[in-house]
Every structure is written in structure tokens, then in C-alpha cells.
Amino acid sequence: MSEVLDYSLMVAPNGARRTSAEHPSLPVTAADLARTARACQSEGATAIHVHVRDNQERHSLDAGRYREAIAAIAEYAPGLGVQITTESAGLYQPAEQLACLTRLRPWAASIAVREMAAEPSIAKTTYAFAHEASIEVQHIVYTPGCISQLLAWREAGLVRPEQCRVLVVLGQYAPPRDAAPADLDPLALGFKGHGLPLSVCAFGRNEHLCLRDAAARGYGVRLGFENSVCDAQGVPHRDNAASVRAYRKQLSAVVL
């Protein structure tokens, strides 16, 4: 399967839990996502990680809503890679997450290892379907236990060789815990010697600091309002594009 996304700077503009009540520029509708995608692309984003919402701004895995959002993004931000989420957010079971993939057949999707591990038979079917449908999978890992599970699945052949992309999550949304750069070390160590391409996202005020460190190690990064709406001083970013711009400016200063 050919690679469809450039993971070097993926924007995650909304996530599953925050609402527009928490930040007025958090994108909720397909049109919101499309405008955000175009603005972030203009600031250097290479891909977008998409969550869709229902009419009450609740997390949704509705294939129709995804199709609408993907079409709008393709129109407003042509060339920007699009990845959907299969995140449960406490609302969906693995069978429903699989159903989203089978109905939508997206180019790329993120799948949380710990959520699939809850139902191993569904996990097996999910990764097999993704392989057959040429869906590029990015595995979400939170803990060393997630890493051990993913590596065991790869060894057993349940996860196919081309299903090699990984997103390492630092910190957490609920209960809130800000990430720190040192959080990356034990997780990165778990993948040492396996040659898997890693990306990193980080919750909280230290998002950009953590991602600068990850980029310096050659990892891809994912940033945006899913993980943090403010800078290191707690000042809210105007919008997702402003966060991307601030991160790239800081990164350039470090490189220079």
C-alpha cells in the first residue's frame, strides 16, 4: 500500500470532547473543518486529523458526516492529507468502530490499541479489513502496555507489516495532566529497534515544547485544539492556524 499522508505536521483541530463553548474557534461543522483545514494548510500543516460531531456537538462516528467533512476539506484545502478517527470517547464499542471503517473506507484512520484490545476478535477483523481496503492505519499508544500489545500483534501477524504508523500520546485530557518532554523517553524506548515511524501529540500547555523535542528526534507531530487551546503561559491561541504558526516559529528559532 502506498503512503497517503505526510505525518510531519498533522493538525488535530477539535478532538472528541472539547466544544465551541470552550473555545469559539473550535471547528464543529463540516464547513468549520474545511475553513480550519485551509487556514492550517497555509501555515504549513501537511495533514488533518478529523473528528465529526452530531447536532449537539457530541463525538460521532457517523459515516455520512465524515463524507461531508472530507468532501468539504478536499474542496477548501486540496492536497491536504485527511485522517479520520475511530476513537470511542466512551461512547462506542469496537464493533461500532469497525462499522465506521467498513461503511466509510477512508484513506487513513487512527485506531487506539487499548480500545481494540478490549475485544481481540474485533481487533483481528478490523486490522484485516484495513489491510484489504488499503486504509492507512496509525496506531494510538498511551502506555508501555499499549506498545507491548501492538508489538505482540505485529509478531503474530494480526497487525500487518504496512500497518506501521504510530502516534505516541503524552499527557492526558481527563483527568487533565499536562505533558512534559521527558514523558516521551520511556515510550520511545519501547519502540527501539523496531523501525516503526513515530509521531507525537501532547496534552496541555507544554504541547509545543514537547513537539519541538519530538521533531528534533525526527518524529512527526500532531498539534491543535484536540490537545491544547493555549500556549505555555496559558494564553489561548486565536485558532488552530495560530497554534500551527506559533509552533513553526518556535521550531525555526530552535533550528536557527
Foldseek 3Di string as FASTA:
>chain_A
DDDDFDQQEEEEAAAADDDCVVPVLRDAALLSLQVQLLLQVVLPHQAYEDFYADPVSGTDLDLVRVVSNVVSNCVRPPNRHYEYELDCVVPDALVVSLVSCVVNLDQEYEDEQVRCVVPVVSLLVSQVVCVVSNYAYEYEDEDLVSLVSVVVCPVVCSHPPSNQHYEYEAADVVVGDWGDLVSVVVVVVSCPPVPGAYEYATADQCGLVNRLVVVVVVHHYYYYPNRDQAHNVRHGQNGRSSVSNVSVVVSVVVVD
